[in-house]
PDB file of N, CA and C in Angstrom:
ATOM      1  N   MET A   1     311.153 -35.817  74.697  1.00  0.00           N
ATOM      2  CA  MET A   1     310.212 -34.605  74.554  1.00  0.00           C
ATOM      3  C   MET A   1     309.944 -34.447  76.111  1.00  0.00           C
ATOM      4  N   SER A   2     310.250 -32.831  76.410  1.00  0.00           N
ATOM      5  CA  SER A   2     310.366 -32.369  77.376  1.00  0.00           C
ATOM      6  C   SER A   2     309.236 -32.201  78.509  1.00  0.00           C
ATOM      7  N   LEU A   3     308.906 -31.807  79.727  1.00  0.00           N
ATOM      8  CA  LEU A   3     307.681 -31.931  80.268  1.00  0.00           C
ATOM      9  C   LEU A   3     307.129 -30.655  79.895  1.00  0.00           C
ATOM     10  N   ARG A   4     307.968 -29.749  79.620  1.00  0.00           N
ATOM     11  CA  ARG A   4     306.663 -28.427  79.120  1.00  0.00           C
ATOM     12  C   ARG A   4     306.047 -28.727  77.693  1.00  0.00           C
ATOM     13  N   SER A   5     306.687 -29.444  76.878  1.00  0.00           N
ATOM     14  CA  SER A   5     306.116 -29.759  75.683  1.00  0.00           C
ATOM     15  C   SER A   5     304.812 -30.703  75.728  1.00  0.00           C
ATOM     16  N   ARG A   6     305.025 -31.658  76.591  1.00  0.00           N
ATOM     17  CA  ARG A   6     304.270 -32.676  76.817  1.00  0.00           C
ATOM     18  C   ARG A   6     302.808 -31.814  77.574  1.00  0.00           C
ATOM     19  N   ARG A   7     302.831 -30.632  78.545  1.00  0.00           N
ATOM     20  CA  ARG A   7     302.107 -30.108  79.226  1.00  0.00           C
ATOM     21  C   ARG A   7     301.395 -29.114  78.143  1.00  0.00           C
ATOM     22  N   ALA A   8     302.063 -28.956  77.236  1.00  0.00           N
ATOM     23  CA  ALA A   8     301.284 -27.865  75.919  1.00  0.00           C
ATOM     24  C   ALA A   8     300.303 -28.831  75.164  1.00  0.00           C
ATOM     25  N   MET A   9     301.000 -30.029  74.791  1.00  0.00           N
ATOM     26  CA  MET A   9     300.152 -31.099  73.971  1.00  0.00           C
ATOM     27  C   MET A   9     299.200 -31.449  74.843  1.00  0.00           C
ATOM     28  N   LEU A  10     298.732 -31.491  76.198  1.00  0.00           N
ATOM     29  CA  LEU A  10     297.555 -31.896  76.811  1.00  0.00           C
ATOM     30  C   LEU A  10     296.886 -31.093  76.923  1.00  0.00           C
ATOM     31  N   ARG A  11     297.191 -29.904  77.358  1.00  0.00           N
ATOM     32  CA  ARG A  11     296.362 -28.269  76.932  1.00  0.00           C
ATOM     33  C   ARG A  11     295.585 -28.535  75.867  1.00  0.00           C
ATOM     34  N   THR A  12     296.381 -28.434  74.705  1.00  0.00           N
ATOM     35  CA  THR A  12     295.989 -28.504  73.224  1.00  0.00           C
ATOM     36  C   THR A  12     294.728 -29.237  73.026  1.00  0.00           C
ATOM     37  N   ALA A  13     295.199 -30.522  73.605  1.00  0.00           N
ATOM     38  CA  ALA A  13     294.259 -31.757  73.477  1.00  0.00           C
ATOM     39  C   ALA A  13     292.995 -31.428  74.499  1.00  0.00           C
ATOM     40  N   LEU A  14     293.048 -31.120  75.581  1.00  0.00           N
ATOM     41  CA  LEU A  14     291.784 -30.989  76.619  1.00  0.00           C
ATOM     42  C   LEU A  14     291.433 -29.660  75.468  1.00  0.00           C
ATOM     43  N   ALA A  15     291.656 -28.597  75.249  1.00  0.00           N
ATOM     44  CA  ALA A  15     291.050 -27.691  74.977  1.00  0.00           C
ATOM     45  C   ALA A  15     290.264 -27.963  73.522  1.00  0.00           C
ATOM     46  N   LEU A  16     291.167 -28.729  72.770  1.00  0.00           N
ATOM     47  CA  LEU A  16     290.024 -29.508  71.324  1.00  0.00           C
ATOM     48  C   LEU A  16     289.059 -30.205  71.915  1.00  0.00           C
ATOM     49  N   SER A  17     289.167 -31.171  72.726  1.00  0.00           N
ATOM     50  CA  SER A  17     287.924 -32.061  73.417  1.00  0.00           C
ATOM     51  C   SER A  17     286.749 -31.198  73.839  1.00  0.00           C
ATOM     52  N   ALA A  18     287.331 -30.423  74.451  1.00  0.00           N
ATOM     53  CA  ALA A  18     286.200 -29.239  74.697  1.00  0.00           C
ATOM     54  C   ALA A  18     285.497 -28.604  73.880  1.00  0.00           C
ATOM     55  N   LEU A  19     286.167 -27.946  72.962  1.00  0.00           N
ATOM     56  CA  LEU A  19     285.649 -27.441  71.893  1.00  0.00           C
ATOM     57  C   LEU A  19     284.532 -28.226  70.931  1.00  0.00           C
ATOM     58  N   GLY A  20     284.999 -29.256  70.471  1.00  0.00           N
ATOM     59  CA  GLY A  20     284.282 -30.566  70.072  1.00  0.00           C
ATOM     60  C   GLY A  20     282.911 -30.787  70.795  1.00  0.00           C
ATOM     61  N   THR A  21     283.103 -31.211  71.896  1.00  0.00           N
ATOM     62  CA  THR A  21     281.763 -31.115  73.088  1.00  0.00           C
ATOM     63  C   THR A  21     281.234 -29.982  72.829  1.00  0.00           C
ATOM     64  N   ALA A  22     281.343 -28.937  72.965  1.00  0.00           N
ATOM     65  CA  ALA A  22     280.407 -27.399  73.018  1.00  0.00           C
ATOM     66  C   ALA A  22     279.631 -27.680  71.469  1.00  0.00           C
ATOM     67  N   LEU A  23     280.954 -27.859  70.493  1.00  0.00           N
ATOM     68  CA  LEU A  23     279.826 -27.933  69.490  1.00  0.00           C
ATOM     69  C   LEU A  23     279.144 -29.018  68.886  1.00  0.00           C
ATOM     70  N   THR A  24     279.025 -29.744  69.641  1.00  0.00           N
ATOM     71  CA  THR A  24     278.156 -31.392  69.759  1.00  0.00           C
ATOM     72  C   THR A  24     276.812 -30.884  70.439  1.00  0.00           C
ATOM     73  N   ALA A  25     277.495 -30.417  71.350  1.00  0.00           N
ATOM     74  CA  ALA A  25     275.994 -29.900  72.056  1.00  0.00           C
ATOM     75  C   ALA A  25     274.849 -28.498  71.629  1.00  0.00           C
ATOM     76  N   GLY A  26     276.133 -27.870  70.528  1.00  0.00           N
ATOM     77  CA  GLY A  26     275.062 -26.793  70.028  1.00  0.00           C
ATOM     78  C   GLY A  26     274.395 -27.001  69.245  1.00  0.00           C
ATOM     79  N   THR A  27     274.965 -28.139  68.340  1.00  0.00           N
ATOM     80  CA  THR A  27     273.757 -28.710  67.177  1.00  0.00           C
ATOM     81  C   THR A  27     272.956 -29.595  67.696  1.00  0.00           C
ATOM     82  N   ALA A  28     273.141 -30.147  68.845  1.00  0.00           N
ATOM     83  CA  ALA A  28     271.899 -30.967  69.550  1.00  0.00           C
ATOM     84  C   ALA A  28     270.722 -29.974  69.643  1.00  0.00           C
ATOM     85  N   THR A  29     270.907 -28.691  70.264  1.00  0.00           N
ATOM     86  CA  THR A  29     270.292 -28.066  71.030  1.00  0.00           C
ATOM     87  C   THR A  29     269.343 -27.221  69.757  1.00  0.00           C
ATOM     88  N   ALA A  30     270.253 -27.322  68.613  1.00  0.00           N
ATOM     89  CA  ALA A  30     269.780 -26.089  67.413  1.00  0.00           C
ATOM     90  C   ALA A  30     268.798 -27.088  66.846  1.00  0.00           C
ATOM     91  N   THR A  31     269.110 -28.590  66.827  1.00  0.00           N
ATOM     92  CA  THR A  31     268.065 -28.961  65.926  1.00  0.00           C
ATOM     93  C   THR A  31     266.642 -29.312  66.839  1.00  0.00           C
ATOM     94  N   ALA A  32     266.831 -29.457  67.909  1.00  0.00           N
ATOM     95  CA  ALA A  32     265.553 -29.671  68.641  1.00  0.00           C
ATOM     96  C   ALA A  32     264.623 -29.015  68.806  1.00  0.00           C
ATOM     97  N   ALA A  33     262.978 -29.024  68.910  1.00  0.00           N
ATOM     98  CA  ALA A  33     262.202 -28.412  68.872  1.00  0.00           C
ATOM     99  C   ALA A  33     262.360 -27.174  70.024  1.00  0.00           C
ATOM    100  N   PRO A  34     261.876 -26.047  69.723  1.00  0.00           N
ATOM    101  CA  PRO A  34     262.103 -24.985  70.490  1.00  0.00           C
ATOM    102  C   PRO A  34     260.967 -24.929  71.600  1.00  0.00           C
ATOM    103  N   ALA A  35     261.833 -24.732  72.651  1.00  0.00           N
ATOM    104  CA  ALA A  35     261.223 -24.685  74.328  1.00  0.00           C
ATOM    105  C   ALA A  35     260.438 -23.347  74.100  1.00  0.00           C
ATOM    106  N   GLU A  36     258.733 -23.749  75.030  1.00  0.00           N
ATOM    107  CA  GLU A  36     258.190 -22.612  75.187  1.00  0.00           C
ATOM    108  C   GLU A  36     258.512 -22.202  76.505  1.00  0.00           C
ATOM    109  N   VAL A  37     258.196 -20.757  76.455  1.00  0.00           N
ATOM    110  CA  VAL A  37     258.699 -19.933  77.674  1.00  0.00           C
ATOM    111  C   VAL A  37     257.319 -20.633  78.839  1.00  0.00           C
ATOM    112  N   PRO A  38     257.363 -20.936  79.601  1.00  0.00           N
ATOM    113  CA  PRO A  38     256.359 -20.899  80.799  1.00  0.00           C
ATOM    114  C   PRO A  38     255.856 -19.672  81.342  1.00  0.00           C
ATOM    115  N   GLY A  39     254.508 -20.142  81.331  1.00  0.00           N
ATOM    116  CA  GLY A  39     253.662 -18.612  81.885  1.00  0.00           C
ATOM    117  C   GLY A  39     253.580 -18.481  83.480  1.00  0.00           C
ATOM    118  N   ALA A  40     252.772 -17.479  84.076  1.00  0.00           N
ATOM    119  CA  ALA A  40     252.711 -17.575  85.324  1.00  0.00           C
ATOM    120  C   ALA A  40     251.910 -18.411  85.660  1.00  0.00           C
ATOM    121  N   GLY A  41     251.178 -18.778  85.447  1.00  0.00           N
ATOM    122  CA  GLY A  41     250.174 -19.844  85.802  1.00  0.00           C
ATOM    123  C   GLY A  41     251.172 -21.281  86.001  1.00  0.00           C
ATOM    124  N   ASP A  42     251.772 -21.810  85.035  1.00  0.00           N
ATOM    125  CA  ASP A  42     252.839 -22.804  84.823  1.00  0.00           C
ATOM    126  C   ASP A  42     253.834 -22.639  86.086  1.00  0.00           C
ATOM    127  N   VAL A  43     254.279 -21.632  86.356  1.00  0.00           N
ATOM    128  CA  VAL A  43     255.454 -21.036  87.245  1.00  0.00           C
ATOM    129  C   VAL A  43     254.516 -21.591  88.791  1.00  0.00           C
ATOM    130  N   VAL A  44     253.317 -20.733  88.797  1.00  0.00           N
ATOM    131  CA  VAL A  44     252.611 -20.773  90.260  1.00  0.00           C
ATOM    132  C   VAL A  44     252.196 -22.134  90.381  1.00  0.00           C
ATOM    133  N   GLY A  45     251.757 -23.239  89.717  1.00  0.00           N
ATOM    134  CA  GLY A  45     251.234 -24.207  89.873  1.00  0.00           C
ATOM    135  C   GLY A  45     252.447 -25.169  89.942  1.00  0.00           C
ATOM    136  N   GLY A  46     253.679 -24.956  89.492  1.00  0.00           N
ATOM    137  CA  GLY A  46     254.786 -25.882  89.708  1.00  0.00           C
ATOM    138  C   GLY A  46     255.336 -25.681  91.320  1.00  0.00           C
ATOM    139  N   THR A  47     255.421 -24.371  91.432  1.00  0.00           N
ATOM    140  CA  THR A  47     255.602 -23.784  93.103  1.00  0.00           C
ATOM    141  C   THR A  47     254.820 -24.934  94.101  1.00  0.00           C
ATOM    142  N   LEU A  48     253.574 -24.656  94.027  1.00  0.00           N
ATOM    143  CA  LEU A  48     252.767 -25.081  94.536  1.00  0.00           C
ATOM    144  C   LEU A  48     253.098 -26.964  94.769  1.00  0.00           C
ATOM    145  N   HIS A  49     252.878 -27.047  93.583  1.00  0.00           N
ATOM    146  CA  HIS A  49     253.009 -28.503  93.332  1.00  0.00           C
ATOM    147  C   HIS A  49     254.427 -29.205  94.078  1.00  0.00           C
ATOM    148  N   GLY A  50     255.495 -28.365  94.072  1.00  0.00           N
ATOM    149  CA  GLY A  50     256.465 -28.778  94.850  1.00  0.00           C
ATOM    150  C   GLY A  50     256.580 -28.518  96.077  1.00  0.00           C
ATOM    151  N   LEU A  51     255.990 -27.461  96.307  1.00  0.00           N
ATOM    152  CA  LEU A  51     255.733 -27.213  98.366  1.00  0.00           C
ATOM    153  C   LEU A  51     254.720 -28.354  98.740  1.00  0.00           C
ATOM    154  N   GLU A  52     253.930 -28.648  97.649  1.00  0.00           N
ATOM    155  CA  GLU A  52     253.017 -30.011  98.057  1.00  0.00           C
ATOM    156  C   GLU A  52     253.819 -31.080  98.600  1.00  0.00           C
ATOM    157  N   SER A  53     254.644 -31.360  97.493  1.00  0.00           N
ATOM    158  CA  SER A  53     255.751 -32.566  97.620  1.00  0.00           C
ATOM    159  C   SER A  53     256.323 -32.593  98.751  1.00  0.00           C
ATOM    160  N   GLY A  54     256.728 -31.246  99.062  1.00  0.00           N
ATOM    161  CA  GLY A  54     258.035 -31.263 100.566  1.00  0.00           C
ATOM    162  C   GLY A  54     257.406 -31.322 101.749  1.00  0.00           C
ATOM    163  N   VAL A  55     256.236 -30.655 101.602  1.00  0.00           N
ATOM    164  CA  VAL A  55     255.620 -29.950 102.938  1.00  0.00           C
ATOM    165  C   VAL A  55     254.778 -31.528 103.366  1.00  0.00           C
ATOM    166  N   ALA A  56     254.015 -32.015 102.720  1.00  0.00           N
ATOM    167  CA  ALA A  56     252.995 -33.118 102.803  1.00  0.00           C
ATOM    168  C   ALA A  56     254.047 -33.893 103.976  1.00  0.00           C
ATOM    169  N   PRO A  57     254.860 -34.759 103.279  1.00  0.00           N
ATOM    170  CA  PRO A  57     255.849 -35.659 104.600  1.00  0.00           C
ATOM    171  C   PRO A  57     255.979 -35.293 105.597  1.00  0.00           C
ATOM    172  N   VAL A  58     256.332 -33.873 106.077  1.00  0.00           N
ATOM    173  CA  VAL A  58     256.731 -33.642 107.145  1.00  0.00           C
ATOM    174  C   VAL A  58     255.617 -33.265 108.063  1.00  0.00           C
ATOM    175  N   THR A  59     254.435 -33.225 107.503  1.00  0.00           N
ATOM    176  CA  THR A  59     253.237 -32.570 108.236  1.00  0.00           C
ATOM    177  C   THR A  59     252.781 -34.278 108.555  1.00  0.00           C
ATOM    178  N   HIS A  60     253.118 -35.100 108.027  1.00  0.00           N
ATOM    179  CA  HIS A  60     252.751 -36.352 108.408  1.00  0.00           C
ATOM    180  C   HIS A  60     253.597 -37.306 108.923  1.00  0.00           C
ATOM    181  N   LEU A  61     254.520 -37.076 109.614  1.00  0.00           N
ATOM    182  CA  LEU A  61     255.593 -37.463 110.021  1.00  0.00           C
ATOM    183  C   LEU A  61     255.374 -37.607 111.756  1.00  0.00           C
ATOM    184  N   GLN A  62     255.836 -39.002 112.425  1.00  0.00           N
ATOM    185  CA  GLN A  62     255.448 -39.234 113.602  1.00  0.00           C
ATOM    186  C   GLN A  62     256.893 -38.256 114.598  1.00  0.00           C
ATOM    187  N   LEU A  63     256.368 -37.142 115.334  1.00  0.00           N
ATOM    188  CA  LEU A  63     256.823 -36.135 115.955  1.00  0.00           C
ATOM    189  C   LEU A  63     257.951 -36.718 117.115  1.00  0.00           C
ATOM    190  N   ASP A  64     257.415 -37.985 118.041  1.00  0.00           N
ATOM    191  CA  ASP A  64     258.079 -38.477 118.905  1.00  0.00           C
ATOM    192  C   ASP A  64     258.558 -39.992 118.476  1.00  0.00           C
ATOM    193  N   PRO A  65     259.871 -40.021 118.270  1.00  0.00           N
ATOM    194  CA  PRO A  65     260.395 -41.440 117.750  1.00  0.00           C
ATOM    195  C   PRO A  65     260.074 -42.378 118.937  1.00  0.00           C
ATOM    196  N   LEU A  66     260.154 -42.060 120.125  1.00  0.00           N
ATOM    197  CA  LEU A  66     259.930 -42.960 121.066  1.00  0.00           C
ATOM    198  C   LEU A  66     258.517 -43.433 121.445  1.00  0.00           C
ATOM    199  N   ALA A  67     257.759 -42.738 120.690  1.00  0.00           N
ATOM    200  CA  ALA A  67     256.080 -42.952 121.039  1.00  0.00           C
ATOM    201  C   ALA A  67     255.694 -44.369 120.814  1.00  0.00           C
ATOM    202  N   ARG A  68     254.545 -44.981 122.094  1.00  0.00           N
ATOM    203  CA  ARG A  68     254.400 -46.055 122.197  1.00  0.00           C
ATOM    204  C   ARG A  68     255.463 -46.760 122.819  1.00  0.00           C
ATOM    205  N   THR A  69     256.224 -46.240 123.142  1.00  0.00           N
ATOM    206  CA  THR A  69     257.501 -47.600 124.067  1.00  0.00           C
ATOM    207  C   THR A  69     257.423 -47.196 125.526  1.00  0.00           C
ATOM    208  N   THR A  70     258.232 -48.405 126.200  1.00  0.00           N
ATOM    209  CA  THR A  70     258.365 -48.344 127.530  1.00  0.00           C
ATOM    210  C   THR A  70     259.818 -47.254 128.021  1.00  0.00           C
ATOM    211  N   VAL A  71     260.122 -46.732 127.126  1.00  0.00           N
ATOM    212  CA  VAL A  71     261.152 -46.079 127.024  1.00  0.00           C
ATOM    213  C   VAL A  71     260.844 -44.358 126.997  1.00  0.00           C
ATOM    214  N   ASP A  72     259.972 -44.215 126.449  1.00  0.00           N
ATOM    215  CA  ASP A  72     259.478 -42.374 126.177  1.00  0.00           C
ATOM    216  C   ASP A  72     259.538 -41.907 127.595  1.00  0.00           C
ATOM    217  N   PRO A  73     260.273 -40.668 127.498  1.00  0.00           N
ATOM    218  CA  PRO A  73     259.990 -39.798 128.657  1.00  0.00           C
ATOM    219  C   PRO A  73     259.082 -39.004 128.677  1.00  0.00           C
ATOM    220  N   LEU A  74     258.458 -38.686 127.539  1.00  0.00           N
ATOM    221  CA  LEU A  74     257.310 -37.823 127.649  1.00  0.00           C
ATOM    222  C   LEU A  74     256.250 -38.546 128.083  1.00  0.00           C
ATOM    223  N   THR A  75     256.298 -40.034 128.796  1.00  0.00           N
ATOM    224  CA  THR A  75     254.960 -40.386 129.612  1.00  0.00           C
ATOM    225  C   THR A  75     254.991 -40.381 130.914  1.00  0.00           C
ATOM    226  N   ASN A  76     256.040 -39.763 131.386  1.00  0.00           N
ATOM    227  CA  ASN A  76     256.023 -39.368 132.851  1.00  0.00           C
ATOM    228  C   ASN A  76     255.695 -38.009 132.946  1.00  0.00           C
ATOM    229  N   GLY A  77     254.895 -38.012 133.716  1.00  0.00           N
ATOM    230  CA  GLY A  77     254.258 -36.546 134.340  1.00  0.00           C
ATOM    231  C   GLY A  77     254.121 -36.369 135.873  1.00  0.00           C
ATOM    232  N   VAL A  78     253.646 -34.886 135.721  1.00  0.00           N
ATOM    233  CA  VAL A  78     253.208 -34.243 137.034  1.00  0.00           C
ATOM    234  C   VAL A  78     251.726 -33.712 137.276  1.00  0.00           C
ATOM    235  N   ALA A  79     251.356 -34.204 138.329  1.00  0.00           N
ATOM    236  CA  ALA A  79     249.693 -33.521 138.305  1.00  0.00           C
ATOM    237  C   ALA A  79     249.710 -33.059 139.781  1.00  0.00           C
ATOM    238  N   THR A  80     248.754 -32.048 139.704  1.00  0.00           N
ATOM    239  CA  THR A  80     248.618 -31.278 140.925  1.00  0.00           C
ATOM    240  C   THR A  80     247.049 -31.191 140.935  1.00  0.00           C
ATOM    241  N   LYS A  81     246.409 -30.977 142.008  1.00  0.00           N
ATOM    242  CA  LYS A  81     244.834 -30.820 142.372  1.00  0.00           C
ATOM    243  C   LYS A  81     244.587 -29.480 143.591  1.00  0.00           C
ATOM    244  N   ALA A  82     244.098 -28.504 143.339  1.00  0.00           N
ATOM    245  CA  ALA A  82     244.092 -27.415 144.343  1.00  0.00           C
ATOM    246  C   ALA A  82     242.121 -27.037 144.014  1.00  0.00           C
ATOM    247  N   ALA A  83     242.120 -26.793 145.428  1.00  0.00           N
ATOM    248  CA  ALA A  83     240.699 -26.799 145.901  1.00  0.00           C
ATOM    249  C   ALA A  83     239.988 -27.637 145.184  1.00  0.00           C
ATOM    250  N   GLY A  84     238.936 -27.275 144.810  1.00  0.00           N
ATOM    251  CA  GLY A  84     237.661 -28.094 143.998  1.00  0.00           C
ATOM    252  C   GLY A  84     237.870 -28.447 142.362  1.00  0.00           C
ATOM    253  N   PHE A  85     239.323 -27.768 141.721  1.00  0.00           N
ATOM    254  CA  PHE A  85     239.313 -27.555 140.361  1.00  0.00           C
ATOM    255  C   PHE A  85     239.517 -29.091 140.009  1.00  0.00           C
ATOM    256  N   ARG A  86     239.631 -29.181 138.622  1.00  0.00           N
ATOM    257  CA  ARG A  86     240.080 -30.815 138.182  1.00  0.00           C
ATOM    258  C   ARG A  86     241.554 -30.516 138.079  1.00  0.00           C
ATOM    259  N   PRO A  87     241.849 -31.644 138.018  1.00  0.00           N
ATOM    260  CA  PRO A  87     243.130 -31.857 138.440  1.00  0.00           C
ATOM    261  C   PRO A  87     244.151 -31.394 136.921  1.00  0.00           C
ATOM    262  N   LEU A  88     245.451 -30.982 137.248  1.00  0.00           N
ATOM    263  CA  LEU A  88     246.108 -30.568 136.135  1.00  0.00           C
ATOM    264  C   LEU A  88     247.464 -30.784 135.912  1.00  0.00           C
ATOM    265  N   GLY A  89     247.824 -31.405 135.187  1.00  0.00           N
ATOM    266  CA  GLY A  89     248.946 -31.784 134.723  1.00  0.00           C
ATOM    267  C   GLY A  89     249.661 -31.677 133.721  1.00  0.00           C
ATOM    268  N   THR A  90     250.964 -32.676 133.405  1.00  0.00           N
ATOM    269  CA  THR A  90     251.430 -32.414 132.008  1.00  0.00           C
ATOM    270  C   THR A  90     251.119 -33.382 131.088  1.00  0.00           C
ATOM    271  N   THR A  91     250.582 -34.346 131.183  1.00  0.00           N
ATOM    272  CA  THR A  91     250.563 -35.712 130.345  1.00  0.00           C
ATOM    273  C   THR A  91     249.349 -34.999 129.566  1.00  0.00           C
ATOM    274  N   THR A  92     248.100 -34.235 130.368  1.00  0.00           N
ATOM    275  CA  THR A  92     247.266 -33.552 128.987  1.00  0.00           C
ATOM    276  C   THR A  92     248.258 -32.756 128.078  1.00  0.00           C
ATOM    277  N   VAL A  93     249.377 -32.445 128.174  1.00  0.00           N
ATOM    278  CA  VAL A  93     250.192 -31.629 126.830  1.00  0.00           C
ATOM    279  C   VAL A  93     250.482 -32.797 126.233  1.00  0.00           C
ATOM    280  N   THR A  94     251.072 -33.646 127.023  1.00  0.00           N
ATOM    281  CA  THR A  94     252.062 -34.485 126.021  1.00  0.00           C
ATOM    282  C   THR A  94     251.696 -35.896 125.624  1.00  0.00           C
ATOM    283  N   LYS A  95     250.065 -36.093 126.135  1.00  0.00           N
ATOM    284  CA  LYS A  95     249.740 -37.212 125.208  1.00  0.00           C
ATOM    285  C   LYS A  95     249.533 -37.242 123.899  1.00  0.00           C
ATOM    286  N   PRO A  96     249.228 -36.277 123.095  1.00  0.00           N
ATOM    287  CA  PRO A  96     249.267 -36.500 121.810  1.00  0.00           C
ATOM    288  C   PRO A  96     250.660 -36.976 121.128  1.00  0.00           C
ATOM    289  N   LEU A  97     251.520 -36.290 121.501  1.00  0.00           N
ATOM    290  CA  LEU A  97     252.799 -37.038 121.039  1.00  0.00           C
ATOM    291  C   LEU A  97     252.910 -38.251 122.092  1.00  0.00           C
ATOM    292  N   THR A  98     252.919 -38.579 122.542  1.00  0.00           N
ATOM    293  CA  THR A  98     253.054 -40.164 123.268  1.00  0.00           C
ATOM    294  C   THR A  98     252.485 -41.180 122.485  1.00  0.00           C
ATOM    295  N   ASP A  99     251.341 -40.705 121.998  1.00  0.00           N
ATOM    296  CA  ASP A  99     250.296 -41.388 121.543  1.00  0.00           C
ATOM    297  C   ASP A  99     250.687 -41.298 119.926  1.00  0.00           C
ATOM    298  N   GLY A 100     251.823 -40.815 119.331  1.00  0.00           N
ATOM    299  CA  GLY A 100     252.348 -40.954 118.082  1.00  0.00           C
ATOM    300  C   GLY A 100     251.935 -39.960 116.991  1.00  0.00           C
ATOM    301  N   ALA A 101     251.525 -39.010 117.539  1.00  0.00           N
ATOM    302  CA  ALA A 101     250.614 -37.986 116.861  1.00  0.00           C
ATOM    303  C   ALA A 101     251.634 -37.409 115.702  1.00  0.00           C
ATOM    304  N   SER A 102     250.851 -36.846 114.290  1.00  0.00           N
ATOM    305  CA  SER A 102     252.067 -36.025 113.420  1.00  0.00           C
ATOM    306  C   SER A 102     251.919 -34.447 113.517  1.00  0.00           C
ATOM    307  N   LEU A 103     252.570 -33.688 113.091  1.00  0.00           N
ATOM    308  CA  LEU A 103     252.463 -32.605 113.347  1.00  0.00           C
ATOM    309  C   LEU A 103     250.629 -32.227 112.734  1.00  0.00           C
ATOM    310  N   SER A 104     250.361 -32.735 111.719  1.00  0.00           N
ATOM    311  CA  SER A 104     249.166 -32.213 111.579  1.00  0.00           C
ATOM    312  C   SER A 104     247.970 -32.827 112.579  1.00  0.00           C
ATOM    313  N   GLU A 105     248.103 -33.815 113.157  1.00  0.00           N
ATOM    314  CA  GLU A 105     247.085 -34.319 114.379  1.00  0.00           C
ATOM    315  C   GLU A 105     247.075 -33.555 115.634  1.00  0.00           C
ATOM    316  N   LEU A 106     248.025 -32.641 116.046  1.00  0.00           N
ATOM    317  CA  LEU A 106     248.352 -31.939 117.198  1.00  0.00           C
ATOM    318  C   LEU A 106     247.218 -30.648 117.221  1.00  0.00           C
ATOM    319  N   PRO A 107     246.664 -30.778 118.524  1.00  0.00           N
ATOM    320  CA  PRO A 107     245.367 -29.820 118.527  1.00  0.00           C
ATOM    321  C   PRO A 107     245.267 -28.606 118.167  1.00  0.00           C
ATOM    322  N   LEU A 108     246.521 -27.873 118.160  1.00  0.00           N
ATOM    323  CA  LEU A 108     246.495 -26.427 117.819  1.00  0.00           C
ATOM    324  C   LEU A 108     247.232 -26.030 116.209  1.00  0.00           C
ATOM    325  N   LEU A 109     248.394 -26.779 116.250  1.00  0.00           N
ATOM    326  CA  LEU A 109     249.434 -26.681 115.140  1.00  0.00           C
ATOM    327  C   LEU A 109     249.113 -27.522 114.345  1.00  0.00           C
ATOM    328  N   GLY A 110     248.012 -28.330 114.309  1.00  0.00           N
ATOM    329  CA  GLY A 110     247.368 -29.306 113.753  1.00  0.00           C
ATOM    330  C   GLY A 110     246.581 -28.110 112.404  1.00  0.00           C
ATOM    331  N   GLN A 111     245.735 -26.930 113.050  1.00  0.00           N
ATOM    332  CA  GLN A 111     245.253 -26.649 111.902  1.00  0.00           C
ATOM    333  C   GLN A 111     246.120 -25.557 111.154  1.00  0.00           C
ATOM    334  N   VAL A 112     247.068 -24.918 111.663  1.00  0.00           N
ATOM    335  CA  VAL A 112     248.274 -24.681 110.998  1.00  0.00           C
ATOM    336  C   VAL A 112     248.679 -25.455 109.735  1.00  0.00           C
ATOM    337  N   ALA A 113     249.317 -26.513 110.236  1.00  0.00           N
ATOM    338  CA  ALA A 113     249.729 -27.541 109.216  1.00  0.00           C
ATOM    339  C   ALA A 113     248.893 -27.821 108.020  1.00  0.00           C
ATOM    340  N   LYS A 114     247.874 -28.185 108.194  1.00  0.00           N
ATOM    341  CA  LYS A 114     246.599 -28.155 107.111  1.00  0.00           C
ATOM    342  C   LYS A 114     246.555 -27.112 106.246  1.00  0.00           C
ATOM    343  N   ALA A 115     246.715 -25.751 106.655  1.00  0.00           N
ATOM    344  CA  ALA A 115     246.555 -24.877 106.038  1.00  0.00           C
ATOM    345  C   ALA A 115     247.839 -24.794 104.866  1.00  0.00           C
ATOM    346  N   LEU A 116     248.509 -25.428 105.175  1.00  0.00           N
ATOM    347  CA  LEU A 116     250.020 -25.153 104.360  1.00  0.00           C
ATOM    348  C   LEU A 116     249.475 -26.284 102.839  1.00  0.00           C
ATOM    349  N   PRO A 117     250.278 -25.948 102.108  1.00  0.00           N
ATOM    350  CA  PRO A 117     249.857 -26.826 100.837  1.00  0.00           C
ATOM    351  C   PRO A 117     250.512 -28.087 101.175  1.00  0.00           C
ATOM    352  N   GLY A 118     249.487 -29.008 100.568  1.00  0.00           N
ATOM    353  CA  GLY A 118     250.058 -30.149 101.287  1.00  0.00           C
ATOM    354  C   GLY A 118     249.759 -30.944 102.646  1.00  0.00           C
ATOM    355  N   GLY A 119     249.109 -29.981 103.508  1.00  0.00           N
ATOM    356  CA  GLY A 119     249.212 -30.383 104.874  1.00  0.00           C
ATOM    357  C   GLY A 119     247.658 -30.951 105.051  1.00  0.00           C
ATOM    358  N   ARG A 120     246.770 -31.247 104.187  1.00  0.00           N
ATOM    359  CA  ARG A 120     245.628 -31.980 104.388  1.00  0.00           C
ATOM    360  C   ARG A 120     245.384 -32.519 105.612  1.00  0.00           C
TER     361      ARG A 120
END
């Protein structure tokens, strides 16, 4: 048997097996109960549920992986005091991060994160 005839036989066998699979799948779906078309409320509810499941873990994730360790570079800070004003330093900004805060616990961004679905 030549190589050309072997290839032709193989192609025919593959086509027949694909046809059999398609026919079997068609009869399986034809005997199943007809599916209902989802309404707009179902679509919106499913979308919000999906967003909640995807956004919630991100908003509760610790932002600084080195927080509360001795090697956290954000614990270093610079401060200055001018005249009679309170001292102003960089640690007041980085303190929530070095304490291990998540996005939902930050002072300004936390309010925005809580407004997202699943932000609680």
